[in-house]
Amino acid sequence: MIAEELPDGVLRGDDGRCRCWWQAGADPLYRDYHDREWGRPVMDDRRLFEKIVLEGFQSGLAWITILRKRENFRRAFAEFDPAAVARFGPADVERLLADPGIVRHRGKIESAVNNARRALELQAECGSLAAFFWRWRPSPEDRPAVIDKATLVANPTTPASVALSRDLKKRGWSFVGPTTVYAFMQAMGLVNDHLEGCDFRQVTEIERSLITGDLL
């Protein structure tokens, strides 16, 4: 019997489903994240704020490390309500530095509080974080013709993520470099980077089309 040849970067799991390579061999938590969350379009401000904060905490770490601690982060950061986090003061920072359930990095914790305050400013200006972030969605013409492993590995940033990162930094946000911002865009569905051949690419694109009105 000849083994099925899959596109580079697409692997078939023991359940028969084809998935992007980066979750291969991962624990069920990571697989569920790939299948149910990653790339699906998000319009909820708390989830958008949560993700951009957690991407900042991920800097220098593997995402699975953050994912395993996500519920602890939610508890520690008031379920990522920007208004609540914006009120955190020095005592809260010290409390978080003593919390073994999260990543205890003073700079990243202080950044989360700062970014909550900046998020409130964006909400006041644009009506919602979703209204702001989704305006940075690249047009289909600016996307690669084929989404494969080689393309994603070679392009950890994009012109859109560089521009969004620059704008956020001008607004006073921190830990929002172009690579961090692109990971945020991928996860929140501003782009669909499930590989061609991944079983979850099409369902992700259909969900995006309901919001954006176009297909890649």
N, C-alpha and C. Protein backbone atom coordinates (compact mmCIF):
# COMPACT_ATOMS: atom_id res chain seq x y z
N MET A 1 0.84 -1.19 0.00
CA MET A 1 0.00 0.00 0.00
C MET A 1 0.88 1.25 0.00
N ILE A 2 0.61 2.17 -0.90
CA ILE A 2 1.41 3.38 -1.02
C ILE A 2 0.89 4.42 -0.03
N ALA A 3 1.80 4.96 0.78
CA ALA A 3 1.41 5.96 1.76
C ALA A 3 0.97 7.24 1.06
N GLU A 4 -0.06 7.85 1.59
CA GLU A 4 -0.54 9.10 1.02
C GLU A 4 0.51 10.20 1.18
N GLU A 5 0.76 10.93 0.11
CA GLU A 5 1.72 12.02 0.16
C GLU A 5 0.98 13.31 0.50
N LEU A 6 1.33 13.88 1.63
CA LEU A 6 0.69 15.11 2.07
C LEU A 6 1.59 16.31 1.78
N PRO A 7 1.02 17.49 1.66
CA PRO A 7 1.84 18.69 1.46
C PRO A 7 2.85 18.84 2.59
N ASP A 8 3.99 19.45 2.29
CA ASP A 8 5.01 19.67 3.30
C ASP A 8 4.44 20.47 4.46
N GLY A 9 4.63 19.98 5.65
CA GLY A 9 4.14 20.68 6.83
C GLY A 9 2.78 20.22 7.30
N VAL A 10 2.12 19.36 6.53
CA VAL A 10 0.83 18.82 6.92
C VAL A 10 1.02 17.38 7.38
N LEU A 11 0.55 17.06 8.56
CA LEU A 11 0.72 15.73 9.13
C LEU A 11 -0.64 15.16 9.52
N ARG A 12 -0.80 13.85 9.33
CA ARG A 12 -2.04 13.19 9.70
C ARG A 12 -1.91 12.64 11.12
N GLY A 13 -2.87 12.98 11.96
CA GLY A 13 -2.83 12.53 13.33
C GLY A 13 -3.39 11.13 13.48
N ASP A 14 -3.32 10.60 14.70
CA ASP A 14 -3.81 9.25 14.93
C ASP A 14 -5.33 9.17 14.86
N ASP A 15 -5.99 10.34 14.78
CA ASP A 15 -7.43 10.36 14.59
C ASP A 15 -7.82 10.49 13.12
N GLY A 16 -6.81 10.49 12.24
CA GLY A 16 -7.05 10.57 10.82
C GLY A 16 -7.16 11.98 10.27
N ARG A 17 -7.12 13.01 11.12
CA ARG A 17 -7.26 14.38 10.67
C ARG A 17 -5.89 14.95 10.29
N CYS A 18 -5.88 15.76 9.25
CA CYS A 18 -4.65 16.41 8.80
C CYS A 18 -4.54 17.78 9.44
N ARG A 19 -3.36 18.07 9.98
CA ARG A 19 -3.15 19.31 10.71
C ARG A 19 -1.81 19.94 10.37
N CYS A 20 -1.69 21.23 10.73
CA CYS A 20 -0.44 21.95 10.57
C CYS A 20 0.65 21.32 11.44
N TRP A 21 1.85 21.34 10.94
CA TRP A 21 2.96 20.62 11.58
C TRP A 21 3.27 21.07 13.00
N TRP A 22 3.00 22.35 13.32
CA TRP A 22 3.51 22.89 14.58
C TRP A 22 2.84 22.29 15.81
N GLN A 23 1.69 21.64 15.64
CA GLN A 23 1.07 21.00 16.81
C GLN A 23 1.29 19.49 16.83
N ALA A 24 2.04 19.00 15.85
CA ALA A 24 2.26 17.55 15.76
C ALA A 24 2.98 17.04 17.00
N GLY A 25 2.49 15.95 17.54
CA GLY A 25 3.11 15.34 18.70
C GLY A 25 2.84 16.08 20.00
N ALA A 26 2.02 17.14 19.90
CA ALA A 26 1.74 17.93 21.09
C ALA A 26 0.69 17.24 21.95
N ASP A 27 0.52 17.77 23.15
CA ASP A 27 -0.49 17.18 24.03
C ASP A 27 -1.89 17.58 23.54
N PRO A 28 -2.92 16.95 24.06
CA PRO A 28 -4.29 17.23 23.59
C PRO A 28 -4.70 18.70 23.72
N LEU A 29 -4.14 19.39 24.69
CA LEU A 29 -4.46 20.80 24.87
C LEU A 29 -4.04 21.60 23.65
N TYR A 30 -2.85 21.31 23.14
CA TYR A 30 -2.33 22.04 21.97
C TYR A 30 -3.12 21.68 20.72
N ARG A 31 -3.44 20.40 20.58
CA ARG A 31 -4.22 19.97 19.42
C ARG A 31 -5.59 20.62 19.42
N ASP A 32 -6.23 20.69 20.59
CA ASP A 32 -7.55 21.31 20.68
C ASP A 32 -7.46 22.79 20.35
N TYR A 33 -6.39 23.44 20.78
CA TYR A 33 -6.18 24.86 20.47
C TYR A 33 -6.09 25.05 18.96
N HIS A 34 -5.32 24.20 18.29
CA HIS A 34 -5.20 24.27 16.83
C HIS A 34 -6.55 24.06 16.16
N ASP A 35 -7.29 23.07 16.62
CA ASP A 35 -8.52 22.68 15.95
C ASP A 35 -9.67 23.66 16.20
N ARG A 36 -9.77 24.20 17.41
CA ARG A 36 -10.95 24.96 17.79
C ARG A 36 -10.75 26.47 17.89
N GLU A 37 -9.50 26.90 18.03
CA GLU A 37 -9.27 28.33 18.28
C GLU A 37 -8.40 29.01 17.24
N TRP A 38 -7.26 28.43 16.96
CA TRP A 38 -6.25 29.14 16.17
C TRP A 38 -6.78 29.51 14.78
N GLY A 39 -6.73 30.77 14.46
CA GLY A 39 -7.16 31.24 13.15
C GLY A 39 -8.63 31.59 13.05
N ARG A 40 -9.43 31.14 14.02
CA ARG A 40 -10.87 31.44 13.96
C ARG A 40 -11.05 32.93 14.28
N PRO A 41 -11.89 33.64 13.52
CA PRO A 41 -12.01 35.09 13.70
C PRO A 41 -12.60 35.46 15.05
N VAL A 42 -11.97 36.42 15.71
CA VAL A 42 -12.39 36.85 17.04
C VAL A 42 -12.76 38.33 16.99
N MET A 43 -13.96 38.64 17.48
CA MET A 43 -14.43 40.02 17.53
C MET A 43 -14.66 40.50 18.97
N ASP A 44 -14.42 39.62 19.93
CA ASP A 44 -14.65 39.93 21.34
C ASP A 44 -13.44 40.65 21.92
N ASP A 45 -13.67 41.82 22.52
CA ASP A 45 -12.55 42.64 23.00
C ASP A 45 -11.74 41.97 24.09
N ARG A 46 -12.39 41.24 24.99
CA ARG A 46 -11.61 40.59 26.06
C ARG A 46 -10.68 39.55 25.48
N ARG A 47 -11.16 38.78 24.52
CA ARG A 47 -10.31 37.75 23.93
C ARG A 47 -9.17 38.38 23.13
N LEU A 48 -9.45 39.47 22.46
CA LEU A 48 -8.38 40.15 21.72
C LEU A 48 -7.34 40.70 22.68
N PHE A 49 -7.79 41.32 23.77
CA PHE A 49 -6.85 41.84 24.75
C PHE A 49 -6.07 40.71 25.40
N GLU A 50 -6.76 39.65 25.76
CA GLU A 50 -6.07 38.50 26.35
C GLU A 50 -4.97 38.00 25.45
N LYS A 51 -5.27 37.83 24.19
CA LYS A 51 -4.30 37.23 23.28
C LYS A 51 -3.09 38.11 23.07
N ILE A 52 -3.30 39.41 22.90
CA ILE A 52 -2.13 40.25 22.65
C ILE A 52 -1.26 40.35 23.90
N VAL A 53 -1.88 40.28 25.09
CA VAL A 53 -1.09 40.26 26.32
C VAL A 53 -0.32 38.94 26.44
N LEU A 54 -1.00 37.83 26.18
CA LEU A 54 -0.32 36.54 26.31
C LEU A 54 0.76 36.36 25.26
N GLU A 55 0.58 36.93 24.09
CA GLU A 55 1.66 36.87 23.10
C GLU A 55 2.88 37.61 23.62
N GLY A 56 2.66 38.69 24.34
CA GLY A 56 3.80 39.39 24.95
C GLY A 56 4.47 38.54 26.01
N PHE A 57 3.68 37.82 26.81
CA PHE A 57 4.27 36.93 27.80
C PHE A 57 5.01 35.77 27.14
N GLN A 58 4.58 35.38 25.95
CA GLN A 58 5.22 34.26 25.28
C GLN A 58 6.64 34.59 24.81
N SER A 59 6.93 35.86 24.60
CA SER A 59 8.23 36.26 24.06
C SER A 59 9.37 35.51 24.74
N GLY A 60 10.12 34.75 23.94
CA GLY A 60 11.22 33.95 24.45
C GLY A 60 10.82 32.59 24.96
N LEU A 61 9.53 32.27 24.91
CA LEU A 61 9.02 30.99 25.40
C LEU A 61 8.22 30.30 24.30
N ALA A 62 7.86 29.04 24.52
CA ALA A 62 6.99 28.31 23.60
C ALA A 62 5.54 28.62 23.95
N TRP A 63 4.67 28.69 22.93
CA TRP A 63 3.26 28.99 23.18
C TRP A 63 2.61 27.95 24.09
N ILE A 64 3.03 26.69 23.98
CA ILE A 64 2.42 25.66 24.82
C ILE A 64 2.64 25.97 26.30
N THR A 65 3.76 26.62 26.62
CA THR A 65 4.01 27.01 28.01
C THR A 65 2.95 27.97 28.50
N ILE A 66 2.62 28.94 27.66
CA ILE A 66 1.59 29.92 28.02
C ILE A 66 0.22 29.27 28.03
N LEU A 67 -0.03 28.41 27.06
CA LEU A 67 -1.34 27.76 26.96
C LEU A 67 -1.65 26.95 28.21
N ARG A 68 -0.65 26.26 28.73
CA ARG A 68 -0.85 25.46 29.93
C ARG A 68 -1.14 26.31 31.16
N LYS A 69 -0.71 27.57 31.11
CA LYS A 69 -0.92 28.48 32.24
C LYS A 69 -2.08 29.45 31.99
N ARG A 70 -2.79 29.29 30.88
CA ARG A 70 -3.77 30.30 30.49
C ARG A 70 -4.85 30.51 31.53
N GLU A 71 -5.37 29.45 32.10
CA GLU A 71 -6.41 29.62 33.11
C GLU A 71 -5.88 30.36 34.34
N ASN A 72 -4.62 30.12 34.69
CA ASN A 72 -4.01 30.86 35.79
C ASN A 72 -3.87 32.34 35.44
N PHE A 73 -3.48 32.61 34.19
CA PHE A 73 -3.39 34.00 33.75
C PHE A 73 -4.76 34.67 33.82
N ARG A 74 -5.79 33.98 33.39
CA ARG A 74 -7.13 34.57 33.42
C ARG A 74 -7.54 34.92 34.84
N ARG A 75 -7.27 34.02 35.77
CA ARG A 75 -7.59 34.30 37.16
C ARG A 75 -6.78 35.48 37.68
N ALA A 76 -5.50 35.51 37.37
CA ALA A 76 -4.61 36.54 37.89
C ALA A 76 -4.89 37.91 37.29
N PHE A 77 -5.36 37.94 36.04
CA PHE A 77 -5.57 39.20 35.34
C PHE A 77 -7.06 39.51 35.12
N ALA A 78 -7.87 39.18 36.12
CA ALA A 78 -9.28 39.58 36.13
C ALA A 78 -10.00 39.22 34.85
N GLU A 79 -9.75 37.98 34.38
CA GLU A 79 -10.38 37.49 33.15
C GLU A 79 -10.09 38.40 31.95
N PHE A 80 -8.99 39.13 32.04
CA PHE A 80 -8.54 40.02 30.97
C PHE A 80 -9.58 41.09 30.61
N ASP A 81 -10.24 41.58 31.63
CA ASP A 81 -11.08 42.76 31.47
C ASP A 81 -10.14 43.97 31.46
N PRO A 82 -10.00 44.67 30.33
CA PRO A 82 -9.04 45.78 30.28
C PRO A 82 -9.27 46.83 31.34
N ALA A 83 -10.54 47.13 31.63
CA ALA A 83 -10.84 48.15 32.64
C ALA A 83 -10.34 47.73 34.02
N ALA A 84 -10.48 46.45 34.33
CA ALA A 84 -10.01 45.96 35.64
C ALA A 84 -8.49 45.94 35.70
N VAL A 85 -7.84 45.45 34.66
CA VAL A 85 -6.38 45.38 34.65
C VAL A 85 -5.77 46.78 34.66
N ALA A 86 -6.43 47.73 34.01
CA ALA A 86 -5.93 49.10 33.98
C ALA A 86 -5.85 49.71 35.37
N ARG A 87 -6.64 49.19 36.30
CA ARG A 87 -6.64 49.72 37.66
C ARG A 87 -5.58 49.06 38.55
N PHE A 88 -4.86 48.07 38.03
CA PHE A 88 -3.81 47.42 38.81
C PHE A 88 -2.74 48.44 39.18
N GLY A 89 -2.28 48.34 40.42
CA GLY A 89 -1.22 49.21 40.89
C GLY A 89 0.00 48.43 41.33
N PRO A 90 0.95 49.08 42.00
CA PRO A 90 2.19 48.41 42.43
C PRO A 90 1.94 47.17 43.28
N ALA A 91 0.93 47.20 44.13
CA ALA A 91 0.65 46.02 44.97
C ALA A 91 0.22 44.84 44.11
N ASP A 92 -0.53 45.11 43.06
CA ASP A 92 -0.95 44.03 42.16
C ASP A 92 0.24 43.46 41.41
N VAL A 93 1.16 44.31 41.01
CA VAL A 93 2.36 43.83 40.33
C VAL A 93 3.14 42.89 41.24
N GLU A 94 3.29 43.28 42.50
CA GLU A 94 4.01 42.42 43.46
C GLU A 94 3.25 41.11 43.68
N ARG A 95 1.93 41.20 43.75
CA ARG A 95 1.11 39.99 43.89
C ARG A 95 1.35 39.04 42.72
N LEU A 96 1.38 39.58 41.51
CA LEU A 96 1.57 38.75 40.32
C LEU A 96 2.98 38.18 40.26
N LEU A 97 3.95 38.94 40.73
CA LEU A 97 5.33 38.43 40.75
C LEU A 97 5.48 37.25 41.71
N ALA A 98 4.58 37.14 42.65
CA ALA A 98 4.63 36.03 43.62
C ALA A 98 3.73 34.87 43.21
N ASP A 99 3.07 34.97 42.06
CA ASP A 99 2.12 33.95 41.62
C ASP A 99 2.83 32.90 40.77
N PRO A 100 3.01 31.67 41.28
CA PRO A 100 3.73 30.64 40.51
C PRO A 100 2.94 30.10 39.33
N GLY A 101 1.66 30.47 39.23
CA GLY A 101 0.84 29.95 38.15
C GLY A 101 1.00 30.67 36.83
N ILE A 102 1.71 31.82 36.85
CA ILE A 102 1.92 32.58 35.63
C ILE A 102 3.40 32.74 35.37
N VAL A 103 3.75 33.44 34.31
CA VAL A 103 5.15 33.77 34.01
C VAL A 103 5.49 35.01 34.84
N ARG A 104 6.42 34.87 35.77
CA ARG A 104 6.72 35.95 36.71
C ARG A 104 7.87 36.80 36.17
N HIS A 105 7.52 37.72 35.32
CA HIS A 105 8.48 38.60 34.66
C HIS A 105 7.97 40.03 34.85
N ARG A 106 8.70 40.82 35.62
CA ARG A 106 8.21 42.16 35.98
C ARG A 106 7.91 43.00 34.74
N GLY A 107 8.79 42.99 33.78
CA GLY A 107 8.59 43.81 32.60
C GLY A 107 7.32 43.44 31.86
N LYS A 108 7.04 42.15 31.75
CA LYS A 108 5.85 41.70 31.03
C LYS A 108 4.58 41.97 31.83
N ILE A 109 4.66 41.84 33.13
CA ILE A 109 3.50 42.14 33.98
C ILE A 109 3.18 43.63 33.90
N GLU A 110 4.18 44.46 34.04
CA GLU A 110 3.96 45.91 33.95
C GLU A 110 3.48 46.30 32.56
N SER A 111 3.96 45.59 31.55
CA SER A 111 3.49 45.84 30.18
C SER A 111 2.01 45.53 30.05
N ALA A 112 1.55 44.44 30.66
CA ALA A 112 0.14 44.07 30.59
C ALA A 112 -0.74 45.16 31.18
N VAL A 113 -0.31 45.74 32.30
CA VAL A 113 -1.08 46.81 32.93
C VAL A 113 -1.07 48.05 32.04
N ASN A 114 0.09 48.39 31.53
CA ASN A 114 0.18 49.52 30.61
C ASN A 114 -0.70 49.32 29.39
N ASN A 115 -0.64 48.12 28.82
CA ASN A 115 -1.41 47.87 27.60
C ASN A 115 -2.91 47.88 27.85
N ALA A 116 -3.32 47.52 29.06
CA ALA A 116 -4.75 47.62 29.40
C ALA A 116 -5.19 49.08 29.34
N ARG A 117 -4.37 49.97 29.84
CA ARG A 117 -4.70 51.39 29.81
C ARG A 117 -4.73 51.90 28.37
N ARG A 118 -3.80 51.43 27.57
CA ARG A 118 -3.79 51.82 26.16
C ARG A 118 -5.00 51.23 25.42
N ALA A 119 -5.43 50.04 25.85
CA ALA A 119 -6.60 49.41 25.23
C ALA A 119 -7.86 50.23 25.49
N LEU A 120 -7.98 50.78 26.70
CA LEU A 120 -9.13 51.62 27.00
C LEU A 120 -9.14 52.86 26.11
N GLU A 121 -7.97 53.39 25.84
CA GLU A 121 -7.87 54.55 24.95
C GLU A 121 -8.33 54.19 23.54
N LEU A 122 -7.94 53.00 23.09
CA LEU A 122 -8.36 52.57 21.76
C LEU A 122 -9.87 52.35 21.70
N GLN A 123 -10.42 51.76 22.75
CA GLN A 123 -11.87 51.55 22.78
C GLN A 123 -12.60 52.89 22.72
N ALA A 124 -12.10 53.88 23.43
CA ALA A 124 -12.73 55.19 23.42
C ALA A 124 -12.64 55.84 22.05
N GLU A 125 -11.52 55.62 21.39
CA GLU A 125 -11.30 56.23 20.07
C GLU A 125 -12.07 55.52 18.96
N CYS A 126 -12.02 54.18 18.97
CA CYS A 126 -12.54 53.40 17.84
C CYS A 126 -13.86 52.69 18.12
N GLY A 127 -14.30 52.71 19.36
CA GLY A 127 -15.53 52.02 19.71
C GLY A 127 -15.30 50.64 20.28
N SER A 128 -14.26 49.97 19.82
CA SER A 128 -13.91 48.64 20.32
C SER A 128 -12.52 48.29 19.85
N LEU A 129 -11.90 47.34 20.54
CA LEU A 129 -10.60 46.83 20.06
C LEU A 129 -10.77 46.12 18.73
N ALA A 130 -11.90 45.42 18.59
CA ALA A 130 -12.15 44.70 17.34
C ALA A 130 -12.17 45.66 16.16
N ALA A 131 -12.85 46.80 16.31
CA ALA A 131 -12.91 47.76 15.22
C ALA A 131 -11.52 48.25 14.84
N PHE A 132 -10.66 48.42 15.84
CA PHE A 132 -9.29 48.86 15.55
C PHE A 132 -8.49 47.75 14.89
N PHE A 133 -8.42 46.59 15.51
CA PHE A 133 -7.52 45.54 15.00
C PHE A 133 -7.95 45.03 13.64
N TRP A 134 -9.25 44.89 13.41
CA TRP A 134 -9.68 44.32 12.14
C TRP A 134 -9.46 45.27 10.96
N ARG A 135 -9.23 46.53 11.23
CA ARG A 135 -8.90 47.42 10.11
C ARG A 135 -7.52 47.12 9.53
N TRP A 136 -6.71 46.36 10.29
CA TRP A 136 -5.38 45.99 9.85
C TRP A 136 -5.36 44.67 9.09
N ARG A 137 -6.52 44.09 8.89
CA ARG A 137 -6.59 42.84 8.13
C ARG A 137 -6.06 43.07 6.72
N PRO A 138 -5.06 42.29 6.27
CA PRO A 138 -4.53 42.50 4.91
C PRO A 138 -5.55 42.07 3.86
N SER A 139 -5.52 42.71 2.73
CA SER A 139 -6.42 42.34 1.64
C SER A 139 -5.97 41.02 1.03
N PRO A 140 -6.87 40.27 0.41
CA PRO A 140 -6.47 39.01 -0.23
C PRO A 140 -5.32 39.17 -1.21
N GLU A 141 -5.25 40.32 -1.88
CA GLU A 141 -4.19 40.54 -2.85
C GLU A 141 -2.81 40.64 -2.21
N ASP A 142 -2.78 40.96 -0.92
CA ASP A 142 -1.51 41.10 -0.21
C ASP A 142 -1.07 39.82 0.48
N ARG A 143 -1.83 38.76 0.31
CA ARG A 143 -1.51 37.49 0.95
C ARG A 143 -0.77 36.58 -0.01
N PRO A 144 0.03 35.63 0.50
CA PRO A 144 0.72 34.68 -0.39
C PRO A 144 -0.27 33.87 -1.21
N ALA A 145 0.14 33.50 -2.40
CA ALA A 145 -0.74 32.71 -3.27
C ALA A 145 -1.02 31.34 -2.67
N VAL A 146 -0.03 30.77 -1.99
CA VAL A 146 -0.17 29.47 -1.36
C VAL A 146 0.32 29.57 0.08
N ILE A 147 -0.45 29.04 1.01
CA ILE A 147 -0.03 29.01 2.41
C ILE A 147 0.56 27.64 2.69
N ASP A 148 1.89 27.57 2.71
CA ASP A 148 2.57 26.32 3.01
C ASP A 148 3.61 26.56 4.09
N LYS A 149 4.25 25.49 4.53
CA LYS A 149 5.19 25.60 5.64
C LYS A 149 6.36 26.51 5.29
N ALA A 150 6.90 26.36 4.08
CA ALA A 150 8.05 27.17 3.69
C ALA A 150 7.72 28.66 3.75
N THR A 151 6.53 29.02 3.30
CA THR A 151 6.13 30.42 3.31
C THR A 151 6.03 30.96 4.73
N LEU A 152 5.40 30.20 5.62
CA LEU A 152 5.23 30.67 6.99
C LEU A 152 6.56 30.75 7.73
N VAL A 153 7.41 29.76 7.54
CA VAL A 153 8.70 29.75 8.23
C VAL A 153 9.56 30.92 7.76
N ALA A 154 9.48 31.23 6.49
CA ALA A 154 10.30 32.30 5.92
C ALA A 154 9.76 33.70 6.22
N ASN A 155 8.51 33.78 6.70
CA ASN A 155 7.88 35.08 6.91
C ASN A 155 7.25 35.19 8.30
N PRO A 156 8.08 35.32 9.34
CA PRO A 156 7.53 35.46 10.70
C PRO A 156 6.88 36.82 10.93
N THR A 157 7.10 37.74 10.00
CA THR A 157 6.41 39.04 10.03
C THR A 157 5.88 39.31 8.63
N THR A 158 4.99 40.27 8.54
CA THR A 158 4.46 40.70 7.25
C THR A 158 4.41 42.23 7.25
N PRO A 159 4.26 42.84 6.09
CA PRO A 159 4.11 44.31 6.08
C PRO A 159 2.98 44.79 6.97
N ALA A 160 1.87 44.04 7.02
CA ALA A 160 0.75 44.44 7.88
C ALA A 160 1.12 44.37 9.35
N SER A 161 1.84 43.32 9.76
CA SER A 161 2.21 43.21 11.18
C SER A 161 3.25 44.26 11.56
N VAL A 162 4.13 44.59 10.64
CA VAL A 162 5.12 45.64 10.90
C VAL A 162 4.41 46.98 11.09
N ALA A 163 3.43 47.26 10.22
CA ALA A 163 2.70 48.52 10.31
C ALA A 163 1.87 48.60 11.58
N LEU A 164 1.20 47.49 11.93
CA LEU A 164 0.39 47.47 13.15
C LEU A 164 1.27 47.61 14.38
N SER A 165 2.39 46.93 14.41
CA SER A 165 3.33 47.04 15.52
C SER A 165 3.80 48.48 15.68
N ARG A 166 4.14 49.11 14.59
CA ARG A 166 4.61 50.50 14.65
C ARG A 166 3.51 51.41 15.20
N ASP A 167 2.28 51.20 14.77
CA ASP A 167 1.18 52.04 15.23
C ASP A 167 0.92 51.84 16.72
N LEU A 168 0.93 50.59 17.17
CA LEU A 168 0.72 50.31 18.58
C LEU A 168 1.81 50.95 19.44
N LYS A 169 3.04 50.84 19.00
CA LYS A 169 4.14 51.43 19.76
C LYS A 169 4.00 52.94 19.85
N LYS A 170 3.56 53.58 18.77
CA LYS A 170 3.33 55.03 18.80
C LYS A 170 2.25 55.39 19.81
N ARG A 171 1.32 54.46 20.02
CA ARG A 171 0.23 54.70 20.97
C ARG A 171 0.62 54.33 22.40
N GLY A 172 1.85 53.87 22.59
CA GLY A 172 2.34 53.59 23.93
C GLY A 172 2.29 52.15 24.37
N TRP A 173 1.88 51.23 23.46
CA TRP A 173 1.87 49.82 23.81
C TRP A 173 3.30 49.29 23.90
N SER A 174 3.49 48.20 24.64
CA SER A 174 4.81 47.58 24.75
C SER A 174 4.69 46.07 24.55
N PHE A 175 5.82 45.43 24.28
CA PHE A 175 5.88 43.99 23.96
C PHE A 175 4.95 43.69 22.78
N VAL A 176 5.02 44.52 21.77
CA VAL A 176 4.20 44.34 20.57
C VAL A 176 5.07 44.49 19.33
N GLY A 177 6.17 43.74 19.29
CA GLY A 177 7.02 43.74 18.11
C GLY A 177 6.31 43.08 16.93
N PRO A 178 6.85 43.22 15.72
CA PRO A 178 6.19 42.69 14.51
C PRO A 178 5.94 41.19 14.55
N THR A 179 6.87 40.41 15.12
CA THR A 179 6.66 38.96 15.20
C THR A 179 5.54 38.62 16.17
N THR A 180 5.54 39.28 17.32
CA THR A 180 4.48 39.08 18.30
C THR A 180 3.13 39.46 17.71
N VAL A 181 3.10 40.57 17.00
CA VAL A 181 1.84 41.05 16.41
C VAL A 181 1.36 40.10 15.32
N TYR A 182 2.30 39.54 14.54
CA TYR A 182 1.85 38.61 13.50
C TYR A 182 1.28 37.34 14.11
N ALA A 183 1.89 36.85 15.18
CA ALA A 183 1.34 35.67 15.86
C ALA A 183 -0.08 35.98 16.37
N PHE A 184 -0.29 37.18 16.85
CA PHE A 184 -1.62 37.62 17.29
C PHE A 184 -2.59 37.63 16.10
N MET A 185 -2.17 38.16 14.98
CA MET A 185 -3.02 38.22 13.79
C MET A 185 -3.39 36.81 13.32
N GLN A 186 -2.43 35.91 13.35
CA GLN A 186 -2.69 34.52 12.94
C GLN A 186 -3.71 33.87 13.87
N ALA A 187 -3.52 34.06 15.17
CA ALA A 187 -4.37 33.37 16.14
C ALA A 187 -5.79 33.92 16.15
N MET A 188 -5.96 35.23 15.93
CA MET A 188 -7.26 35.87 16.03
C MET A 188 -8.02 35.90 14.71
N GLY A 189 -7.44 35.31 13.67
CA GLY A 189 -8.16 35.17 12.42
C GLY A 189 -8.05 36.34 11.47
N LEU A 190 -7.21 37.32 11.77
CA LEU A 190 -7.01 38.41 10.83
C LEU A 190 -6.38 37.89 9.53
N VAL A 191 -5.69 36.77 9.65
CA VAL A 191 -5.23 36.01 8.50
C VAL A 191 -5.55 34.55 8.76
N ASN A 192 -5.59 33.77 7.70
CA ASN A 192 -5.81 32.32 7.84
C ASN A 192 -4.53 31.62 7.41
N ASP A 193 -3.74 31.20 8.39
CA ASP A 193 -2.47 30.55 8.09
C ASP A 193 -2.50 29.06 8.37
N HIS A 194 -3.67 28.46 8.45
CA HIS A 194 -3.73 27.00 8.38
C HIS A 194 -3.22 26.61 6.99
N LEU A 195 -2.37 25.60 6.94
CA LEU A 195 -1.74 25.23 5.68
C LEU A 195 -2.74 24.67 4.68
N GLU A 196 -2.42 24.83 3.42
CA GLU A 196 -3.16 24.13 2.37
C GLU A 196 -3.03 22.63 2.65
N GLY A 197 -4.13 21.95 2.77
CA GLY A 197 -4.11 20.52 3.10
C GLY A 197 -4.48 20.24 4.54
N CYS A 198 -4.47 21.29 5.40
CA CYS A 198 -4.92 21.12 6.78
C CYS A 198 -6.44 21.03 6.78
N ASP A 199 -6.99 20.07 7.49
CA ASP A 199 -8.43 19.87 7.51
C ASP A 199 -9.19 21.06 8.09
N PHE A 200 -8.49 21.94 8.79
CA PHE A 200 -9.16 23.05 9.46
C PHE A 200 -9.03 24.37 8.72
N ARG A 201 -8.39 24.35 7.56
CA ARG A 201 -8.24 25.59 6.80
C ARG A 201 -9.58 26.09 6.25
N GLN A 202 -10.34 25.19 5.64
CA GLN A 202 -11.57 25.62 4.98
C GLN A 202 -12.62 26.11 5.96
N VAL A 203 -12.80 25.41 7.08
CA VAL A 203 -13.80 25.85 8.05
C VAL A 203 -13.41 27.20 8.64
N THR A 204 -12.11 27.40 8.82
CA THR A 204 -11.63 28.69 9.31
C THR A 204 -11.93 29.79 8.30
N GLU A 205 -11.72 29.50 7.03
CA GLU A 205 -11.95 30.50 6.01
C GLU A 205 -13.43 30.83 5.86
N ILE A 206 -14.28 29.84 6.01
CA ILE A 206 -15.72 30.09 5.95
C ILE A 206 -16.13 31.02 7.09
N GLU A 207 -15.63 30.76 8.29
CA GLU A 207 -15.96 31.62 9.42
C GLU A 207 -15.46 33.04 9.19
N ARG A 208 -14.26 33.17 8.62
CA ARG A 208 -13.73 34.50 8.33
C ARG A 208 -14.58 35.21 7.29
N SER A 209 -15.05 34.47 6.31
CA SER A 209 -15.82 35.10 5.23
C SER A 209 -17.14 35.69 5.74
N LEU A 210 -17.68 35.10 6.80
CA LEU A 210 -18.91 35.62 7.38
C LEU A 210 -18.70 37.00 7.98
N ILE A 211 -17.45 37.28 8.37
CA ILE A 211 -17.13 38.57 8.96
C ILE A 211 -16.57 39.53 7.90
N THR A 212 -15.65 39.01 7.08
CA THR A 212 -14.94 39.88 6.15
C THR A 212 -15.62 40.03 4.81
N GLY A 213 -16.42 39.04 4.44
CA GLY A 213 -17.10 39.10 3.16
C GLY A 213 -16.25 38.67 1.98
N ASP A 214 -15.07 38.09 2.28
CA ASP A 214 -14.24 37.61 1.17
C ASP A 214 -13.58 36.30 1.55
N LEU A 215 -13.07 35.63 0.56
CA LEU A 215 -12.32 34.39 0.74
C LEU A 215 -10.93 34.58 0.17
N LEU A 216 -9.93 33.98 0.83
CA LEU A 216 -8.57 34.07 0.30
C LEU A 216 -8.44 33.18 -0.92
